[in-house]
Amino acid sequence: MKVRDEYGKSNFEAVRSLIVYRNKQGQTLCTLNTVKDGKVLPGEAVDGGKLAGLFRMIGTIADPADSMKMVWQDPRILAIGANSILWYAAPHRAEIFFSCLTKALMRCSGKIFPYPGLVFLARKNTLRVFAVKSRPNLKTRLYHAPLWNISNGAVCLPWGIRNDESHSIDEWEKIFFTSAFSHPGLTAKVSRTRYEKLVPALIRSKARKFPSGELIPANITIQNLIEEKQKP
């Protein structure tokens, strides 16, 4: 598959192709495909960030120096939409804060806790979070985040905080990780061991990682989470 430019001076051969898919619910997916021998091969899904970087490289470059510019893509981002973003926070040790009536947890406030890998979804006026056992893909099973202030993935945000498009991933994580957990969510259990015993035990032992065996399945995958219909 070859084409000429508007002046007919050069032959261009198709090497990559962007294909936009849409389902009956109006959701769209874009893939970047390789073209070989005139055939479009299976592609990989791309998000807005990758497309922006691709478009910057297309067309005539007014300033030759621009041809050397590179656009960094945040490796945490898993998927992005017009009003939503899904990202991954790797397992890490950090302070955990509590403001509650449970003395055992209050004694843990400000101490270092081993957070498991987490997947966040910021959409409209909500923030959702689930735990994962490894860096996720579309088929990855999600687990209930072993934390308070969460009901079936929905985070009870601090007073005055709303999901605003101006919030970056870093700002959302700061809001989440530096806020004090004040109450258990509606989810029946967030860990197999009683939470009031598990948290102090992990902190006392200076655990390097959150024990994956403590995670409780949420009966949902990354794909399910992405495809969930947004409430009006």
C-alpha atoms as a PDB file:
ATOM      1  CA  MET A   1       0.000   0.000   0.000  1.00  0.00           C
ATOM      2  CA  LYS A   2       1.741   3.152  -1.264  1.00  0.00           C
ATOM      3  CA  VAL A   3       0.620   6.778  -1.624  1.00  0.00           C
ATOM      4  CA  ARG A   4       2.155  10.010  -2.929  1.00  0.00           C
ATOM      5  CA  ASP A   5       2.205  13.377  -1.196  1.00  0.00           C
ATOM      6  CA  GLU A   6       0.186  16.296  -2.603  1.00  0.00           C
ATOM      7  CA  TYR A   7       3.091  17.265  -4.858  1.00  0.00           C
ATOM      8  CA  GLY A   8       3.573  13.767  -6.204  1.00  0.00           C
ATOM      9  CA  LYS A   9       7.254  13.874  -5.339  1.00  0.00           C
ATOM     10  CA  SER A  10       7.604  10.950  -2.952  1.00  0.00           C
ATOM     11  CA  ASN A  11       6.230   7.477  -2.468  1.00  0.00           C
ATOM     12  CA  PHE A  12       5.074   6.625   1.039  1.00  0.00           C
ATOM     13  CA  GLU A  13       4.530   3.064   2.128  1.00  0.00           C
ATOM     14  CA  ALA A  14       2.050   2.278   4.894  1.00  0.00           C
ATOM     15  CA  VAL A  15       3.858   0.846   7.930  1.00  0.00           C
ATOM     16  CA  ARG A  16       1.525   1.645  10.860  1.00  0.00           C
ATOM     17  CA  SER A  17      -2.241   2.079  11.095  1.00  0.00           C
ATOM     18  CA  LEU A  18      -4.591   3.522  13.735  1.00  0.00           C
ATOM     19  CA  ILE A  19      -7.950   1.760  14.008  1.00  0.00           C
ATOM     20  CA  VAL A  20     -10.813   3.046  16.182  1.00  0.00           C
ATOM     21  CA  TYR A  21     -13.379   0.480  17.373  1.00  0.00           C
ATOM     22  CA  ARG A  22     -16.772   1.217  18.933  1.00  0.00           C
ATOM     23  CA  ASN A  23     -19.196  -1.154  20.678  1.00  0.00           C
ATOM     24  CA  LYS A  24     -22.993  -0.935  21.002  1.00  0.00           C
ATOM     25  CA  GLN A  25     -22.653   0.965  24.274  1.00  0.00           C
ATOM     26  CA  GLY A  26     -20.726   3.747  22.526  1.00  0.00           C
ATOM     27  CA  GLN A  27     -17.392   2.880  24.160  1.00  0.00           C
ATOM     28  CA  THR A  28     -14.350   3.247  21.930  1.00  0.00           C
ATOM     29  CA  LEU A  29     -10.961   1.554  21.716  1.00  0.00           C
ATOM     30  CA  CYS A  30      -8.024   2.599  19.565  1.00  0.00           C
ATOM     31  CA  THR A  31      -5.267   0.260  18.411  1.00  0.00           C
ATOM     32  CA  LEU A  32      -1.944   0.912  16.719  1.00  0.00           C
ATOM     33  CA  ASN A  33      -1.325  -1.783  14.090  1.00  0.00           C
ATOM     34  CA  THR A  34       1.654  -2.744  11.965  1.00  0.00           C
ATOM     35  CA  VAL A  35       1.102  -2.950   8.193  1.00  0.00           C
ATOM     36  CA  LYS A  36       3.131  -5.642   6.430  1.00  0.00           C
ATOM     37  CA  ASP A  37       2.894  -6.605   2.771  1.00  0.00           C
ATOM     38  CA  GLY A  38      -0.262  -4.553   2.452  1.00  0.00           C
ATOM     39  CA  LYS A  39      -1.966  -6.340   5.335  1.00  0.00           C
ATOM     40  CA  VAL A  40      -2.956  -4.809   8.668  1.00  0.00           C
ATOM     41  CA  LEU A  41      -1.673  -7.036  11.472  1.00  0.00           C
ATOM     42  CA  PRO A  42      -3.166  -7.298  14.984  1.00  0.00           C
ATOM     43  CA  GLY A  43      -2.333  -4.219  17.018  1.00  0.00           C
ATOM     44  CA  GLU A  44      -1.986  -3.014  20.581  1.00  0.00           C
ATOM     45  CA  ALA A  45      -4.373  -0.742  22.439  1.00  0.00           C
ATOM     46  CA  VAL A  46      -3.172   2.832  22.831  1.00  0.00           C
ATOM     47  CA  ASP A  47      -4.327   5.607  25.145  1.00  0.00           C
ATOM     48  CA  GLY A  48      -4.488   9.356  24.706  1.00  0.00           C
ATOM     49  CA  GLY A  49      -0.954   9.874  25.979  1.00  0.00           C
ATOM     50  CA  LYS A  50       0.581   7.519  23.429  1.00  0.00           C
ATOM     51  CA  LEU A  51      -1.496   9.052  20.636  1.00  0.00           C
ATOM     52  CA  ALA A  52      -0.363  12.547  21.610  1.00  0.00           C
ATOM     53  CA  GLY A  53       3.259  11.442  21.407  1.00  0.00           C
ATOM     54  CA  LEU A  54       2.631   9.814  18.030  1.00  0.00           C
ATOM     55  CA  PHE A  55       0.903  12.877  16.573  1.00  0.00           C
ATOM     56  CA  ARG A  56       3.807  15.091  17.638  1.00  0.00           C
ATOM     57  CA  MET A  57       6.042  13.092  15.316  1.00  0.00           C
ATOM     58  CA  ILE A  58       3.692  13.301  12.304  1.00  0.00           C
ATOM     59  CA  GLY A  59       3.989  15.934   9.579  1.00  0.00           C
ATOM     60  CA  THR A  60       6.536  18.568   8.717  1.00  0.00           C
ATOM     61  CA  ILE A  61       8.682  19.725  11.629  1.00  0.00           C
ATOM     62  CA  ALA A  62       9.140  23.483  11.548  1.00  0.00           C
ATOM     63  CA  ASP A  63      12.033  23.449  13.991  1.00  0.00           C
ATOM     64  CA  PRO A  64      14.618  20.695  13.289  1.00  0.00           C
ATOM     65  CA  ALA A  65      15.360  20.582  17.006  1.00  0.00           C
ATOM     66  CA  ASP A  66      11.807  19.309  17.584  1.00  0.00           C
ATOM     67  CA  SER A  67      12.715  16.074  15.833  1.00  0.00           C
ATOM     68  CA  MET A  68      14.920  15.208  18.802  1.00  0.00           C
ATOM     69  CA  LYS A  69      12.260  15.841  21.447  1.00  0.00           C
ATOM     70  CA  MET A  70      10.903  12.873  23.360  1.00  0.00           C
ATOM     71  CA  VAL A  71       7.604  12.690  25.235  1.00  0.00           C
ATOM     72  CA  TRP A  72       7.586  10.789  28.515  1.00  0.00           C
ATOM     73  CA  GLN A  73       4.617   8.500  29.094  1.00  0.00           C
ATOM     74  CA  ASP A  74       3.832   7.858  32.762  1.00  0.00           C
ATOM     75  CA  PRO A  75       4.325   4.080  33.196  1.00  0.00           C
ATOM     76  CA  ARG A  76       1.671   3.991  35.906  1.00  0.00           C
ATOM     77  CA  ILE A  77      -1.193   4.753  33.500  1.00  0.00           C
ATOM     78  CA  LEU A  78      -3.148   1.644  32.423  1.00  0.00           C
ATOM     79  CA  ALA A  79      -6.054   3.272  30.565  1.00  0.00           C
ATOM     80  CA  ILE A  80      -7.429   6.745  29.996  1.00  0.00           C
ATOM     81  CA  GLY A  81     -10.739   8.146  28.788  1.00  0.00           C
ATOM     82  CA  ALA A  82     -12.395  11.536  28.336  1.00  0.00           C
ATOM     83  CA  ASN A  83     -13.352  11.777  32.022  1.00  0.00           C
ATOM     84  CA  SER A  84     -11.547   8.875  33.629  1.00  0.00           C
ATOM     85  CA  ILE A  85      -8.091   7.499  34.255  1.00  0.00           C
ATOM     86  CA  LEU A  86      -6.943   4.095  35.486  1.00  0.00           C
ATOM     87  CA  TRP A  87      -3.486   3.668  36.969  1.00  0.00           C
ATOM     88  CA  TYR A  88      -1.289   1.328  38.975  1.00  0.00           C
ATOM     89  CA  ALA A  89       0.552   2.065  42.223  1.00  0.00           C
ATOM     90  CA  ALA A  90       3.305  -0.487  42.848  1.00  0.00           C
ATOM     91  CA  PRO A  91       3.704  -2.155  46.275  1.00  0.00           C
ATOM     92  CA  HIS A  92       5.572   0.112  48.657  1.00  0.00           C
ATOM     93  CA  ARG A  93       6.198   0.868  52.322  1.00  0.00           C
ATOM     94  CA  ALA A  94       4.854   4.174  53.585  1.00  0.00           C
ATOM     95  CA  GLU A  95       3.126   5.782  56.548  1.00  0.00           C
ATOM     96  CA  ILE A  96      -0.468   4.856  57.246  1.00  0.00           C
ATOM     97  CA  PHE A  97      -2.766   7.149  59.217  1.00  0.00           C
ATOM     98  CA  PHE A  98      -5.826   6.470  61.353  1.00  0.00           C
ATOM     99  CA  SER A  99      -8.385   8.640  63.122  1.00  0.00           C
ATOM    100  CA  CYS A 100     -10.771   6.192  64.750  1.00  0.00           C
ATOM    101  CA  LEU A 101     -11.952   4.689  68.035  1.00  0.00           C
ATOM    102  CA  THR A 102      -9.940   1.477  67.615  1.00  0.00           C
ATOM    103  CA  LYS A 103      -6.960   1.852  69.958  1.00  0.00           C
ATOM    104  CA  ALA A 104      -4.903  -0.857  68.267  1.00  0.00           C
ATOM    105  CA  LEU A 105      -5.081   1.015  64.966  1.00  0.00           C
ATOM    106  CA  MET A 106      -4.574   4.438  66.503  1.00  0.00           C
ATOM    107  CA  ARG A 107      -1.272   3.187  67.914  1.00  0.00           C
ATOM    108  CA  CYS A 108      -0.296   2.365  64.317  1.00  0.00           C
ATOM    109  CA  SER A 109      -1.066   5.830  62.962  1.00  0.00           C
ATOM    110  CA  GLY A 110       2.006   7.386  61.405  1.00  0.00           C
ATOM    111  CA  LYS A 111       3.887   4.060  61.309  1.00  0.00           C
ATOM    112  CA  ILE A 112       5.301   2.393  58.188  1.00  0.00           C
ATOM    113  CA  PHE A 113       2.881  -0.033  56.529  1.00  0.00           C
ATOM    114  CA  PRO A 114       3.520  -2.378  53.544  1.00  0.00           C
ATOM    115  CA  TYR A 115       0.895  -1.373  50.971  1.00  0.00           C
ATOM    116  CA  PRO A 116       0.135  -3.998  48.316  1.00  0.00           C
ATOM    117  CA  GLY A 117      -0.032  -3.130  44.621  1.00  0.00           C
ATOM    118  CA  LEU A 118      -3.130  -0.998  44.018  1.00  0.00           C
ATOM    119  CA  VAL A 119      -5.208  -0.053  40.975  1.00  0.00           C
ATOM    120  CA  PHE A 120      -6.966   3.326  41.092  1.00  0.00           C
ATOM    121  CA  LEU A 121      -9.829   4.520  38.895  1.00  0.00           C
ATOM    122  CA  ALA A 122     -10.740   8.212  39.004  1.00  0.00           C
ATOM    123  CA  ARG A 123     -14.023   8.788  37.191  1.00  0.00           C
ATOM    124  CA  LYS A 124     -16.482  11.682  37.458  1.00  0.00           C
ATOM    125  CA  ASN A 125     -17.038  12.343  41.174  1.00  0.00           C
ATOM    126  CA  THR A 126     -15.621   9.036  42.412  1.00  0.00           C
ATOM    127  CA  LEU A 127     -12.336   7.361  43.203  1.00  0.00           C
ATOM    128  CA  ARG A 128     -12.148   3.572  43.261  1.00  0.00           C
ATOM    129  CA  VAL A 129      -9.287   1.359  44.381  1.00  0.00           C
ATOM    130  CA  PHE A 130      -8.547  -2.370  44.338  1.00  0.00           C
ATOM    131  CA  ALA A 131      -5.520  -4.486  45.213  1.00  0.00           C
ATOM    132  CA  VAL A 132      -3.547  -6.653  42.786  1.00  0.00           C
ATOM    133  CA  LYS A 133      -0.860  -9.294  43.254  1.00  0.00           C
ATOM    134  CA  SER A 134       1.303  -8.165  40.309  1.00  0.00           C
ATOM    135  CA  ARG A 135       1.497  -5.449  37.668  1.00  0.00           C
ATOM    136  CA  PRO A 136      -1.916  -5.777  35.988  1.00  0.00           C
ATOM    137  CA  ASN A 137      -3.143  -6.429  32.480  1.00  0.00           C
ATOM    138  CA  LEU A 138      -6.726  -6.627  31.189  1.00  0.00           C
ATOM    139  CA  LYS A 139      -7.247 -10.149  32.568  1.00  0.00           C
ATOM    140  CA  THR A 140      -5.828  -9.465  36.033  1.00  0.00           C
ATOM    141  CA  ARG A 141      -8.118 -10.397  38.937  1.00  0.00           C
ATOM    142  CA  LEU A 142      -8.762  -7.624  41.437  1.00  0.00           C
ATOM    143  CA  TYR A 143      -8.913  -7.944  45.210  1.00  0.00           C
ATOM    144  CA  HIS A 144     -10.437  -5.798  47.919  1.00  0.00           C
ATOM    145  CA  ALA A 145      -7.923  -3.183  49.018  1.00  0.00           C
ATOM    146  CA  PRO A 146      -6.939  -4.101  52.607  1.00  0.00           C
ATOM    147  CA  LEU A 147      -7.727  -0.618  53.864  1.00  0.00           C
ATOM    148  CA  TRP A 148     -10.567   1.254  55.549  1.00  0.00           C
ATOM    149  CA  ASN A 149     -12.875   3.952  54.127  1.00  0.00           C
ATOM    150  CA  ILE A 150     -13.556   1.773  51.063  1.00  0.00           C
ATOM    151  CA  SER A 151     -16.844   0.087  50.137  1.00  0.00           C
ATOM    152  CA  ASN A 152     -16.684  -2.387  47.263  1.00  0.00           C
ATOM    153  CA  GLY A 153     -13.869  -0.368  45.747  1.00  0.00           C
ATOM    154  CA  ALA A 154     -15.443   3.087  46.197  1.00  0.00           C
ATOM    155  CA  VAL A 155     -13.329   5.397  48.355  1.00  0.00           C
ATOM    156  CA  CYS A 156     -14.961   7.587  50.972  1.00  0.00           C
ATOM    157  CA  LEU A 157     -13.015  10.759  50.194  1.00  0.00           C
ATOM    158  CA  PRO A 158     -12.004  13.348  52.822  1.00  0.00           C
ATOM    159  CA  TRP A 159     -14.419  16.225  53.317  1.00  0.00           C
ATOM    160  CA  GLY A 160     -14.216  18.798  50.535  1.00  0.00           C
ATOM    161  CA  ILE A 161     -12.371  16.533  48.096  1.00  0.00           C
ATOM    162  CA  ARG A 162     -14.058  15.717  44.783  1.00  0.00           C
ATOM    163  CA  ASN A 163     -12.856  14.041  41.635  1.00  0.00           C
ATOM    164  CA  ASP A 164     -11.682  17.032  39.618  1.00  0.00           C
ATOM    165  CA  GLU A 165      -9.965  16.850  36.257  1.00  0.00           C
ATOM    166  CA  SER A 166      -7.249  19.116  37.612  1.00  0.00           C
ATOM    167  CA  HIS A 167      -6.074  16.358  39.959  1.00  0.00           C
ATOM    168  CA  SER A 168      -2.987  14.599  38.684  1.00  0.00           C
ATOM    169  CA  ILE A 169      -2.126  11.018  39.583  1.00  0.00           C
ATOM    170  CA  ASP A 170       0.387  12.292  42.139  1.00  0.00           C
ATOM    171  CA  GLU A 171      -2.225  14.565  43.713  1.00  0.00           C
ATOM    172  CA  TRP A 172      -4.758  11.728  43.932  1.00  0.00           C
ATOM    173  CA  GLU A 173      -2.209   9.440  45.576  1.00  0.00           C
ATOM    174  CA  LYS A 174      -1.235  12.152  48.054  1.00  0.00           C
ATOM    175  CA  ILE A 175      -4.892  12.639  48.994  1.00  0.00           C
ATOM    176  CA  PHE A 176      -5.378   8.903  49.433  1.00  0.00           C
ATOM    177  CA  PHE A 177      -2.188   7.915  51.241  1.00  0.00           C
ATOM    178  CA  THR A 178      -1.920  10.923  53.562  1.00  0.00           C
ATOM    179  CA  SER A 179      -5.566  10.987  54.684  1.00  0.00           C
ATOM    180  CA  ALA A 180      -6.518   9.264  57.935  1.00  0.00           C
ATOM    181  CA  PHE A 181      -8.604   6.090  57.682  1.00  0.00           C
ATOM    182  CA  SER A 182     -11.522   6.601  60.037  1.00  0.00           C
ATOM    183  CA  HIS A 183     -13.953   3.716  59.575  1.00  0.00           C
ATOM    184  CA  PRO A 184     -14.378   0.330  57.885  1.00  0.00           C
ATOM    185  CA  GLY A 185     -16.267   0.338  54.603  1.00  0.00           C
ATOM    186  CA  LEU A 186     -19.355  -1.674  53.747  1.00  0.00           C
ATOM    187  CA  THR A 187     -17.238  -4.515  52.335  1.00  0.00           C
ATOM    188  CA  ALA A 188     -17.665  -7.442  54.745  1.00  0.00           C
ATOM    189  CA  LYS A 189     -13.928  -8.142  55.109  1.00  0.00           C
ATOM    190  CA  VAL A 190     -10.837  -6.486  53.655  1.00  0.00           C
ATOM    191  CA  SER A 191      -8.378  -9.140  54.837  1.00  0.00           C
ATOM    192  CA  ARG A 192      -8.578 -12.764  55.906  1.00  0.00           C
ATOM    193  CA  THR A 193      -7.076 -11.979  59.309  1.00  0.00           C
ATOM    194  CA  ARG A 194      -9.022  -9.568  61.473  1.00  0.00           C
ATOM    195  CA  TYR A 195      -7.906  -6.133  60.304  1.00  0.00           C
ATOM    196  CA  GLU A 196      -7.321  -4.732  63.795  1.00  0.00           C
ATOM    197  CA  LYS A 197      -4.805  -7.541  64.373  1.00  0.00           C
ATOM    198  CA  LEU A 198      -3.242  -7.705  60.920  1.00  0.00           C
ATOM    199  CA  VAL A 199      -2.141  -4.070  60.649  1.00  0.00           C
ATOM    200  CA  PRO A 200      -0.325  -3.947  64.017  1.00  0.00           C
ATOM    201  CA  ALA A 201       1.317  -7.318  63.296  1.00  0.00           C
ATOM    202  CA  LEU A 202       2.665  -6.171  59.915  1.00  0.00           C
ATOM    203  CA  ILE A 203       3.973  -2.942  61.416  1.00  0.00           C
ATOM    204  CA  ARG A 204       5.607  -4.663  64.412  1.00  0.00           C
ATOM    205  CA  SER A 205       7.348  -7.203  62.188  1.00  0.00           C
ATOM    206  CA  LYS A 206       8.475  -4.484  59.759  1.00  0.00           C
ATOM    207  CA  ALA A 207       7.098  -6.598  56.906  1.00  0.00           C
ATOM    208  CA  ARG A 208       8.658  -5.725  53.562  1.00  0.00           C
ATOM    209  CA  LYS A 209       5.600  -6.820  51.562  1.00  0.00           C
ATOM    210  CA  PHE A 210       1.891  -7.164  52.220  1.00  0.00           C
ATOM    211  CA  PRO A 211       1.090 -10.907  52.422  1.00  0.00           C
ATOM    212  CA  SER A 212      -0.829 -11.730  49.232  1.00  0.00           C
ATOM    213  CA  GLY A 213      -2.594 -14.612  50.994  1.00  0.00           C
ATOM    214  CA  GLU A 214      -4.495 -12.032  53.065  1.00  0.00           C
ATOM    215  CA  LEU A 215      -6.159 -10.502  49.995  1.00  0.00           C
ATOM    216  CA  ILE A 216      -9.831 -11.314  49.363  1.00  0.00           C
ATOM    217  CA  PRO A 217     -11.068 -11.603  45.723  1.00  0.00           C
ATOM    218  CA  ALA A 218     -13.372  -8.830  44.555  1.00  0.00           C
ATOM    219  CA  ASN A 219     -14.756 -11.043  41.759  1.00  0.00           C
ATOM    220  CA  ILE A 220     -13.857  -8.489  39.081  1.00  0.00           C
ATOM    221  CA  THR A 221     -11.053  -8.062  36.555  1.00  0.00           C
ATOM    222  CA  ILE A 222      -9.372  -4.999  35.079  1.00  0.00           C
ATOM    223  CA  GLN A 223     -11.421  -5.556  31.912  1.00  0.00           C
ATOM    224  CA  ASN A 224     -14.659  -5.622  33.942  1.00  0.00           C
ATOM    225  CA  LEU A 225     -13.676  -2.416  35.708  1.00  0.00           C
ATOM    226  CA  ILE A 226     -12.962  -0.588  32.454  1.00  0.00           C
ATOM    227  CA  GLU A 227     -16.202  -1.727  30.850  1.00  0.00           C
ATOM    228  CA  GLU A 228     -18.479  -0.843  33.752  1.00  0.00           C
ATOM    229  CA  LYS A 229     -21.192   1.568  32.667  1.00  0.00           C
ATOM    230  CA  GLN A 230     -20.826   5.042  34.090  1.00  0.00           C
ATOM    231  CA  LYS A 231     -23.722   6.251  36.177  1.00  0.00           C
ATOM    232  CA  PRO A 232     -25.293   9.503  34.955  1.00  0.00           C
END
